[in-house]
Amino acid sequence: MSEQTRRKGEMVKNNSVEAQKKQAERSFKQEERALDGRKAMAEYEVQARATRAKTERLKALRLAKEAQARTEAPPVEPTKQRPARHEK
């Protein structure tokens, strides 16, 4: 086998090993992105549930306050007395 043929064989072997490493890295990164995506979606869903619960609670409080305001008589404000007019 000539020197040049041997070098080509090593280059192909090296390229094959490098290609496998690159493929493995791509696969690993893809799995990482998928995992990150699942985590982000889970966080989003938890926050959405918390927001809905808070909104429901606040709505119930607002409706209760409005119902109470309708049943109670409006507060009577004291009339302001005007100062006596001074004649000149």
PDB file of N, CA and C in Angstrom:
ATOM      1  N   MET A   1       0.845  -1.163   0.000  1.00  0.00           N
ATOM      2  CA  MET A   1       0.000   0.000   0.000  1.00  0.00           C
ATOM      3  C   MET A   1       0.894   1.231   0.000  1.00  0.00           C
ATOM      4  N   SER A   2       0.534   2.149  -0.829  1.00  0.00           N
ATOM      5  CA  SER A   2       1.367   3.343  -0.935  1.00  0.00           C
ATOM      6  C   SER A   2       1.056   4.298   0.222  1.00  0.00           C
ATOM      7  N   GLU A   3       1.943   5.228   0.444  1.00  0.00           N
ATOM      8  CA  GLU A   3       1.798   6.215   1.516  1.00  0.00           C
ATOM      9  C   GLU A   3       0.538   7.059   1.298  1.00  0.00           C
ATOM     10  N   GLN A   4       0.301   7.450   0.064  1.00  0.00           N
ATOM     11  CA  GLN A   4      -0.846   8.301  -0.255  1.00  0.00           C
ATOM     12  C   GLN A   4      -2.158   7.552   0.006  1.00  0.00           C
ATOM     13  N   THR A   5      -2.237   6.307  -0.361  1.00  0.00           N
ATOM     14  CA  THR A   5      -3.429   5.498  -0.140  1.00  0.00           C
ATOM     15  C   THR A   5      -3.668   5.312   1.355  1.00  0.00           C
ATOM     16  N   ARG A   6      -2.598   5.110   2.100  1.00  0.00           N
ATOM     17  CA  ARG A   6      -2.722   4.939   3.548  1.00  0.00           C
ATOM     18  C   ARG A   6      -3.249   6.215   4.192  1.00  0.00           C
ATOM     19  N   ARG A   7      -2.759   7.375   3.752  1.00  0.00           N
ATOM     20  CA  ARG A   7      -3.223   8.662   4.281  1.00  0.00           C
ATOM     21  C   ARG A   7      -4.697   8.885   3.971  1.00  0.00           C
ATOM     22  N   LYS A   8      -5.099   8.528   2.743  1.00  0.00           N
ATOM     23  CA  LYS A   8      -6.510   8.690   2.386  1.00  0.00           C
ATOM     24  C   LYS A   8      -7.380   7.812   3.281  1.00  0.00           C
ATOM     25  N   GLY A   9      -6.937   6.607   3.547  1.00  0.00           N
ATOM     26  CA  GLY A   9      -7.677   5.702   4.430  1.00  0.00           C
ATOM     27  C   GLY A   9      -7.803   6.276   5.834  1.00  0.00           C
ATOM     28  N   GLU A  10      -6.741   6.873   6.347  1.00  0.00           N
ATOM     29  CA  GLU A  10      -6.772   7.493   7.672  1.00  0.00           C
ATOM     30  C   GLU A  10      -7.699   8.695   7.675  1.00  0.00           C
ATOM     31  N   MET A  11      -7.679   9.483   6.581  1.00  0.00           N
ATOM     32  CA  MET A  11      -8.531  10.669   6.494  1.00  0.00           C
ATOM     33  C   MET A  11      -9.999  10.263   6.479  1.00  0.00           C
ATOM     34  N   VAL A  12     -10.311   9.221   5.728  1.00  0.00           N
ATOM     35  CA  VAL A  12     -11.687   8.742   5.684  1.00  0.00           C
ATOM     36  C   VAL A  12     -12.106   8.251   7.059  1.00  0.00           C
ATOM     37  N   LYS A  13     -11.209   7.515   7.725  1.00  0.00           N
ATOM     38  CA  LYS A  13     -11.495   7.006   9.053  1.00  0.00           C
ATOM     39  C   LYS A  13     -11.685   8.166  10.027  1.00  0.00           C
ATOM     40  N   ASN A  14     -10.796   9.171   9.955  1.00  0.00           N
ATOM     41  CA  ASN A  14     -10.902  10.342  10.826  1.00  0.00           C
ATOM     42  C   ASN A  14     -12.184  11.102  10.543  1.00  0.00           C
ATOM     43  N   ASN A  15     -12.497  11.271   9.261  1.00  0.00           N
ATOM     44  CA  ASN A  15     -13.721  11.977   8.901  1.00  0.00           C
ATOM     45  C   ASN A  15     -14.940  11.215   9.407  1.00  0.00           C
ATOM     46  N   SER A  16     -14.869   9.895   9.327  1.00  0.00           N
ATOM     47  CA  SER A  16     -15.972   9.075   9.796  1.00  0.00           C
ATOM     48  C   SER A  16     -16.151   9.242  11.309  1.00  0.00           C
ATOM     49  N   VAL A  17     -15.058   9.244  12.033  1.00  0.00           N
ATOM     50  CA  VAL A  17     -15.109   9.410  13.489  1.00  0.00           C
ATOM     51  C   VAL A  17     -15.609  10.810  13.817  1.00  0.00           C
ATOM     52  N   GLU A  18     -15.118  11.811  13.109  1.00  0.00           N
ATOM     53  CA  GLU A  18     -15.556  13.192  13.332  1.00  0.00           C
ATOM     54  C   GLU A  18     -17.037  13.334  12.992  1.00  0.00           C
ATOM     55  N   ALA A  19     -17.448  12.708  11.909  1.00  0.00           N
ATOM     56  CA  ALA A  19     -18.857  12.774  11.521  1.00  0.00           C
ATOM     57  C   ALA A  19     -19.732  12.141  12.597  1.00  0.00           C
ATOM     58  N   GLN A  20     -19.284  11.035  13.157  1.00  0.00           N
ATOM     59  CA  GLN A  20     -20.039  10.385  14.223  1.00  0.00           C
ATOM     60  C   GLN A  20     -20.121  11.270  15.456  1.00  0.00           C
ATOM     61  N   LYS A  21     -19.004  11.942  15.777  1.00  0.00           N
ATOM     62  CA  LYS A  21     -18.994  12.852  16.933  1.00  0.00           C
ATOM     63  C   LYS A  21     -19.964  14.004  16.702  1.00  0.00           C
ATOM     64  N   LYS A  22     -19.927  14.570  15.493  1.00  0.00           N
ATOM     65  CA  LYS A  22     -20.823  15.690  15.184  1.00  0.00           C
ATOM     66  C   LYS A  22     -22.278  15.250  15.260  1.00  0.00           C
ATOM     67  N   GLN A  23     -22.549  14.064  14.727  1.00  0.00           N
ATOM     68  CA  GLN A  23     -23.914  13.537  14.770  1.00  0.00           C
ATOM     69  C   GLN A  23     -24.363  13.330  16.209  1.00  0.00           C
ATOM     70  N   ALA A  24     -23.470  12.797  17.028  1.00  0.00           N
ATOM     71  CA  ALA A  24     -23.796  12.576  18.439  1.00  0.00           C
ATOM     72  C   ALA A  24     -24.042  13.909  19.143  1.00  0.00           C
ATOM     73  N   GLU A  25     -23.226  14.916  18.859  1.00  0.00           N
ATOM     74  CA  GLU A  25     -23.413  16.237  19.457  1.00  0.00           C
ATOM     75  C   GLU A  25     -24.737  16.851  19.027  1.00  0.00           C
ATOM     76  N   ARG A  26     -25.056  16.726  17.722  1.00  0.00           N
ATOM     77  CA  ARG A  26     -26.332  17.257  17.228  1.00  0.00           C
ATOM     78  C   ARG A  26     -27.499  16.570  17.915  1.00  0.00           C
ATOM     79  N   SER A  27     -27.395  15.276  18.038  1.00  0.00           N
ATOM     80  CA  SER A  27     -28.457  14.507  18.683  1.00  0.00           C
ATOM     81  C   SER A  27     -28.606  14.923  20.145  1.00  0.00           C
ATOM     82  N   PHE A  28     -27.484  15.080  20.839  1.00  0.00           N
ATOM     83  CA  PHE A  28     -27.504  15.493  22.242  1.00  0.00           C
ATOM     84  C   PHE A  28     -28.127  16.871  22.395  1.00  0.00           C
ATOM     85  N   LYS A  29     -27.724  17.806  21.531  1.00  0.00           N
ATOM     86  CA  LYS A  29     -28.268  19.165  21.604  1.00  0.00           C
ATOM     87  C   LYS A  29     -29.765  19.172  21.300  1.00  0.00           C
ATOM     88  N   GLN A  30     -30.175  18.350  20.359  1.00  0.00           N
ATOM     89  CA  GLN A  30     -31.586  18.265  20.018  1.00  0.00           C
ATOM     90  C   GLN A  30     -32.390  17.740  21.218  1.00  0.00           C
ATOM     91  N   GLU A  31     -31.856  16.736  21.885  1.00  0.00           N
ATOM     92  CA  GLU A  31     -32.526  16.205  23.072  1.00  0.00           C
ATOM     93  C   GLU A  31     -32.576  17.253  24.177  1.00  0.00           C
ATOM     94  N   GLU A  32     -31.503  18.020  24.348  1.00  0.00           N
ATOM     95  CA  GLU A  32     -31.473  19.076  25.349  1.00  0.00           C
ATOM     96  C   GLU A  32     -32.534  20.128  25.061  1.00  0.00           C
ATOM     97  N   ARG A  33     -32.629  20.541  23.789  1.00  0.00           N
ATOM     98  CA  ARG A  33     -33.636  21.536  23.413  1.00  0.00           C
ATOM     99  C   ARG A  33     -35.043  21.010  23.666  1.00  0.00           C
ATOM    100  N   ALA A  34     -35.278  19.750  23.355  1.00  0.00           N
ATOM    101  CA  ALA A  34     -36.594  19.152  23.594  1.00  0.00           C
ATOM    102  C   ALA A  34     -36.906  19.138  25.094  1.00  0.00           C
ATOM    103  N   LEU A  35     -35.913  18.795  25.908  1.00  0.00           N
ATOM    104  CA  LEU A  35     -36.109  18.783  27.358  1.00  0.00           C
ATOM    105  C   LEU A  35     -36.379  20.193  27.873  1.00  0.00           C
ATOM    106  N   ASP A  36     -35.617  21.162  27.398  1.00  0.00           N
ATOM    107  CA  ASP A  36     -35.839  22.552  27.790  1.00  0.00           C
ATOM    108  C   ASP A  36     -37.233  23.008  27.388  1.00  0.00           C
ATOM    109  N   GLY A  37     -37.664  22.599  26.221  1.00  0.00           N
ATOM    110  CA  GLY A  37     -38.999  22.957  25.751  1.00  0.00           C
ATOM    111  C   GLY A  37     -40.083  22.376  26.641  1.00  0.00           C
ATOM    112  N   ARG A  38     -39.918  21.129  27.047  1.00  0.00           N
ATOM    113  CA  ARG A  38     -40.896  20.505  27.938  1.00  0.00           C
ATOM    114  C   ARG A  38     -40.923  21.207  29.295  1.00  0.00           C
ATOM    115  N   LYS A  39     -39.740  21.569  29.797  1.00  0.00           N
ATOM    116  CA  LYS A  39     -39.678  22.280  31.081  1.00  0.00           C
ATOM    117  C   LYS A  39     -40.361  23.640  30.971  1.00  0.00           C
ATOM    118  N   ALA A  40     -40.085  24.355  29.889  1.00  0.00           N
ATOM    119  CA  ALA A  40     -40.679  25.676  29.692  1.00  0.00           C
ATOM    120  C   ALA A  40     -42.199  25.573  29.588  1.00  0.00           C
ATOM    121  N   MET A  41     -42.674  24.562  28.884  1.00  0.00           N
ATOM    122  CA  MET A  41     -44.121  24.384  28.744  1.00  0.00           C
ATOM    123  C   MET A  41     -44.755  24.066  30.087  1.00  0.00           C
ATOM    124  N   ALA A  42     -44.096  23.258  30.881  1.00  0.00           N
ATOM    125  CA  ALA A  42     -44.622  22.921  32.214  1.00  0.00           C
ATOM    126  C   ALA A  42     -44.696  24.180  33.082  1.00  0.00           C
ATOM    127  N   GLU A  43     -43.654  25.003  33.051  1.00  0.00           N
ATOM    128  CA  GLU A  43     -43.656  26.256  33.817  1.00  0.00           C
ATOM    129  C   GLU A  43     -44.783  27.163  33.346  1.00  0.00           C
ATOM    130  N   TYR A  44     -44.960  27.250  32.029  1.00  0.00           N
ATOM    131  CA  TYR A  44     -46.010  28.092  31.465  1.00  0.00           C
ATOM    132  C   TYR A  44     -47.382  27.623  31.947  1.00  0.00           C
ATOM    133  N   GLU A  45     -47.607  26.309  31.943  1.00  0.00           N
ATOM    134  CA  GLU A  45     -48.892  25.776  32.372  1.00  0.00           C
ATOM    135  C   GLU A  45     -49.142  26.045  33.854  1.00  0.00           C
ATOM    136  N   VAL A  46     -48.106  25.924  34.669  1.00  0.00           N
ATOM    137  CA  VAL A  46     -48.245  26.199  36.105  1.00  0.00           C
ATOM    138  C   VAL A  46     -48.604  27.667  36.316  1.00  0.00           C
ATOM    139  N   GLN A  47     -47.924  28.555  35.608  1.00  0.00           N
ATOM    140  CA  GLN A  47     -48.214  29.983  35.742  1.00  0.00           C
ATOM    141  C   GLN A  47     -49.622  30.309  35.239  1.00  0.00           C
ATOM    142  N   ALA A  48     -50.037  29.673  34.160  1.00  0.00           N
ATOM    143  CA  ALA A  48     -51.370  29.915  33.616  1.00  0.00           C
ATOM    144  C   ALA A  48     -52.437  29.469  34.615  1.00  0.00           C
ATOM    145  N   ARG A  49     -52.242  28.298  35.247  1.00  0.00           N
ATOM    146  CA  ARG A  49     -53.193  27.827  36.251  1.00  0.00           C
ATOM    147  C   ARG A  49     -53.250  28.794  37.432  1.00  0.00           C
ATOM    148  N   ALA A  50     -52.095  29.272  37.880  1.00  0.00           N
ATOM    149  CA  ALA A  50     -52.054  30.203  39.010  1.00  0.00           C
ATOM    150  C   ALA A  50     -52.767  31.503  38.650  1.00  0.00           C
ATOM    151  N   THR A  51     -52.569  31.980  37.427  1.00  0.00           N
ATOM    152  CA  THR A  51     -53.215  33.213  36.988  1.00  0.00           C
ATOM    153  C   THR A  51     -54.728  33.032  36.939  1.00  0.00           C
ATOM    154  N   ARG A  52     -55.195  31.898  36.418  1.00  0.00           N
ATOM    155  CA  ARG A  52     -56.640  31.639  36.367  1.00  0.00           C
ATOM    156  C   ARG A  52     -57.233  31.572  37.771  1.00  0.00           C
ATOM    157  N   ALA A  53     -56.535  30.915  38.684  1.00  0.00           N
ATOM    158  CA  ALA A  53     -57.026  30.804  40.062  1.00  0.00           C
ATOM    159  C   ALA A  53     -57.105  32.187  40.712  1.00  0.00           C
ATOM    160  N   LYS A  54     -56.093  32.987  40.506  1.00  0.00           N
ATOM    161  CA  LYS A  54     -56.073  34.333  41.077  1.00  0.00           C
ATOM    162  C   LYS A  54     -57.193  35.184  40.484  1.00  0.00           C
ATOM    163  N   THR A  55     -57.403  35.062  39.175  1.00  0.00           N
ATOM    164  CA  THR A  55     -58.460  35.819  38.514  1.00  0.00           C
ATOM    165  C   THR A  55     -59.829  35.415  39.051  1.00  0.00           C
ATOM    166  N   GLU A  56     -60.048  34.112  39.219  1.00  0.00           N
ATOM    167  CA  GLU A  56     -61.317  33.638  39.769  1.00  0.00           C
ATOM    168  C   GLU A  56     -61.546  34.179  41.183  1.00  0.00           C
ATOM    169  N   ARG A  57     -60.497  34.163  41.993  1.00  0.00           N
ATOM    170  CA  ARG A  57     -60.613  34.657  43.372  1.00  0.00           C
ATOM    171  C   ARG A  57     -60.955  36.140  43.385  1.00  0.00           C
ATOM    172  N   LEU A  58     -60.245  36.917  42.560  1.00  0.00           N
ATOM    173  CA  LEU A  58     -60.488  38.357  42.516  1.00  0.00           C
ATOM    174  C   LEU A  58     -61.879  38.674  41.972  1.00  0.00           C
ATOM    175  N   LYS A  59     -62.343  37.901  41.001  1.00  0.00           N
ATOM    176  CA  LYS A  59     -63.677  38.105  40.448  1.00  0.00           C
ATOM    177  C   LYS A  59     -64.728  37.841  41.518  1.00  0.00           C
ATOM    178  N   ALA A  60     -64.548  36.784  42.290  1.00  0.00           N
ATOM    179  CA  ALA A  60     -65.493  36.464  43.366  1.00  0.00           C
ATOM    180  C   ALA A  60     -65.526  37.592  44.396  1.00  0.00           C
ATOM    181  N   LEU A  61     -64.361  38.115  44.738  1.00  0.00           N
ATOM    182  CA  LEU A  61     -64.316  39.237  45.689  1.00  0.00           C
ATOM    183  C   LEU A  61     -65.022  40.466  45.131  1.00  0.00           C
ATOM    184  N   ARG A  62     -64.792  40.754  43.862  1.00  0.00           N
ATOM    185  CA  ARG A  62     -65.416  41.928  43.231  1.00  0.00           C
ATOM    186  C   ARG A  62     -66.930  41.768  43.189  1.00  0.00           C
ATOM    187  N   LEU A  63     -67.410  40.581  42.792  1.00  0.00           N
ATOM    188  CA  LEU A  63     -68.850  40.356  42.734  1.00  0.00           C
ATOM    189  C   LEU A  63     -69.488  40.449  44.120  1.00  0.00           C
ATOM    190  N   ALA A  64     -68.814  39.938  45.141  1.00  0.00           N
ATOM    191  CA  ALA A  64     -69.327  40.025  46.507  1.00  0.00           C
ATOM    192  C   ALA A  64     -69.403  41.476  46.957  1.00  0.00           C
ATOM    193  N   LYS A  65     -68.394  42.239  46.626  1.00  0.00           N
ATOM    194  CA  LYS A  65     -68.376  43.660  47.001  1.00  0.00           C
ATOM    195  C   LYS A  65     -69.499  44.408  46.294  1.00  0.00           C
ATOM    196  N   GLU A  66     -69.707  44.116  45.002  1.00  0.00           N
ATOM    197  CA  GLU A  66     -70.772  44.771  44.255  1.00  0.00           C
ATOM    198  C   GLU A  66     -72.140  44.387  44.815  1.00  0.00           C
ATOM    199  N   ALA A  67     -72.337  43.135  45.175  1.00  0.00           N
ATOM    200  CA  ALA A  67     -73.607  42.687  45.741  1.00  0.00           C
ATOM    201  C   ALA A  67     -73.866  43.369  47.075  1.00  0.00           C
ATOM    202  N   GLN A  68     -72.830  43.500  47.870  1.00  0.00           N
ATOM    203  CA  GLN A  68     -72.971  44.162  49.161  1.00  0.00           C
ATOM    204  C   GLN A  68     -73.304  45.634  48.956  1.00  0.00           C
ATOM    205  N   ALA A  69     -72.704  46.266  47.985  1.00  0.00           N
ATOM    206  CA  ALA A  69     -72.961  47.680  47.725  1.00  0.00           C
ATOM    207  C   ALA A  69     -74.407  47.887  47.273  1.00  0.00           C
ATOM    208  N   ARG A  70     -74.976  46.927  46.548  1.00  0.00           N
ATOM    209  CA  ARG A  70     -76.366  47.061  46.091  1.00  0.00           C
ATOM    210  C   ARG A  70     -77.356  46.895  47.238  1.00  0.00           C
ATOM    211  N   THR A  71     -77.023  46.073  48.213  1.00  0.00           N
ATOM    212  CA  THR A  71     -77.956  45.823  49.316  1.00  0.00           C
ATOM    213  C   THR A  71     -77.879  46.894  50.390  1.00  0.00           C
ATOM    214  N   GLU A  72     -76.770  47.518  50.541  1.00  0.00           N
ATOM    215  CA  GLU A  72     -76.627  48.556  51.558  1.00  0.00           C
ATOM    216  C   GLU A  72     -77.112  49.884  51.008  1.00  0.00           C
ATOM    217  N   ALA A  73     -77.617  50.713  51.915  1.00  0.00           N
ATOM    218  CA  ALA A  73     -78.024  52.057  51.522  1.00  0.00           C
ATOM    219  C   ALA A  73     -76.768  52.884  51.299  1.00  0.00           C
ATOM    220  N   PRO A  74     -76.807  53.752  50.333  1.00  0.00           N
ATOM    221  CA  PRO A  74     -75.621  54.579  50.124  1.00  0.00           C
ATOM    222  C   PRO A  74     -75.384  55.463  51.347  1.00  0.00           C
ATOM    223  N   PRO A  75     -74.158  55.676  51.703  1.00  0.00           N
ATOM    224  CA  PRO A  75     -73.870  56.492  52.889  1.00  0.00           C
ATOM    225  C   PRO A  75     -74.345  57.929  52.672  1.00  0.00           C
ATOM    226  N   VAL A  76     -74.930  58.479  53.730  1.00  0.00           N
ATOM    227  CA  VAL A  76     -75.427  59.858  53.673  1.00  0.00           C
ATOM    228  C   VAL A  76     -74.268  60.772  53.995  1.00  0.00           C
ATOM    229  N   GLU A  77     -74.036  61.668  53.079  1.00  0.00           N
ATOM    230  CA  GLU A  77     -72.951  62.621  53.312  1.00  0.00           C
ATOM    231  C   GLU A  77     -73.519  63.825  54.044  1.00  0.00           C
ATOM    232  N   PRO A  78     -72.821  64.295  55.050  1.00  0.00           N
ATOM    233  CA  PRO A  78     -73.321  65.476  55.764  1.00  0.00           C
ATOM    234  C   PRO A  78     -73.271  66.685  54.831  1.00  0.00           C
ATOM    235  N   THR A  79     -74.308  67.515  54.954  1.00  0.00           N
ATOM    236  CA  THR A  79     -74.337  68.713  54.112  1.00  0.00           C
ATOM    237  C   THR A  79     -73.370  69.727  54.693  1.00  0.00           C
ATOM    238  N   LYS A  80     -72.769  70.427  53.822  1.00  0.00           N
ATOM    239  CA  LYS A  80     -71.822  71.454  54.265  1.00  0.00           C
ATOM    240  C   LYS A  80     -72.590  72.729  54.547  1.00  0.00           C
ATOM    241  N   GLN A  81     -72.284  73.337  55.672  1.00  0.00           N
ATOM    242  CA  GLN A  81     -72.930  74.590  55.999  1.00  0.00           C
ATOM    243  C   GLN A  81     -72.101  75.723  55.433  1.00  0.00           C
ATOM    244  N   ARG A  82     -72.821  76.614  54.800  1.00  0.00           N
ATOM    245  CA  ARG A  82     -72.118  77.768  54.243  1.00  0.00           C
ATOM    246  C   ARG A  82     -71.885  78.780  55.350  1.00  0.00           C
ATOM    247  N   PRO A  83     -70.781  79.453  55.250  1.00  0.00           N
ATOM    248  CA  PRO A  83     -70.536  80.501  56.265  1.00  0.00           C
ATOM    249  C   PRO A  83     -71.558  81.648  56.100  1.00  0.00           C
ATOM    250  N   ALA A  84     -71.883  82.242  57.200  1.00  0.00           N
ATOM    251  CA  ALA A  84     -72.858  83.344  57.168  1.00  0.00           C
ATOM    252  C   ALA A  84     -72.298  84.492  56.350  1.00  0.00           C
ATOM    253  N   ARG A  85     -73.227  85.141  55.626  1.00  0.00           N
ATOM    254  CA  ARG A  85     -72.801  86.266  54.796  1.00  0.00           C
ATOM    255  C   ARG A  85     -72.723  87.520  55.651  1.00  0.00           C
ATOM    256  N   HIS A  86     -71.713  88.231  55.446  1.00  0.00           N
ATOM    257  CA  HIS A  86     -71.539  89.481  56.181  1.00  0.00           C
ATOM    258  C   HIS A  86     -72.071  90.611  55.318  1.00  0.00           C
ATOM    259  N   GLU A  87     -72.976  91.407  55.926  1.00  0.00           N
ATOM    260  CA  GLU A  87     -73.489  92.536  55.166  1.00  0.00           C
ATOM    261  C   GLU A  87     -72.578  93.715  55.358  1.00  0.00           C
ATOM    262  N   LYS A  88     -72.488  94.500  54.322  1.00  0.00           N
ATOM    263  CA  LYS A  88     -71.627  95.663  54.405  1.00  0.00           C
ATOM    264  C   LYS A  88     -72.371  96.897  54.685  1.00  0.00           C
TER     265      LYS A  88
END
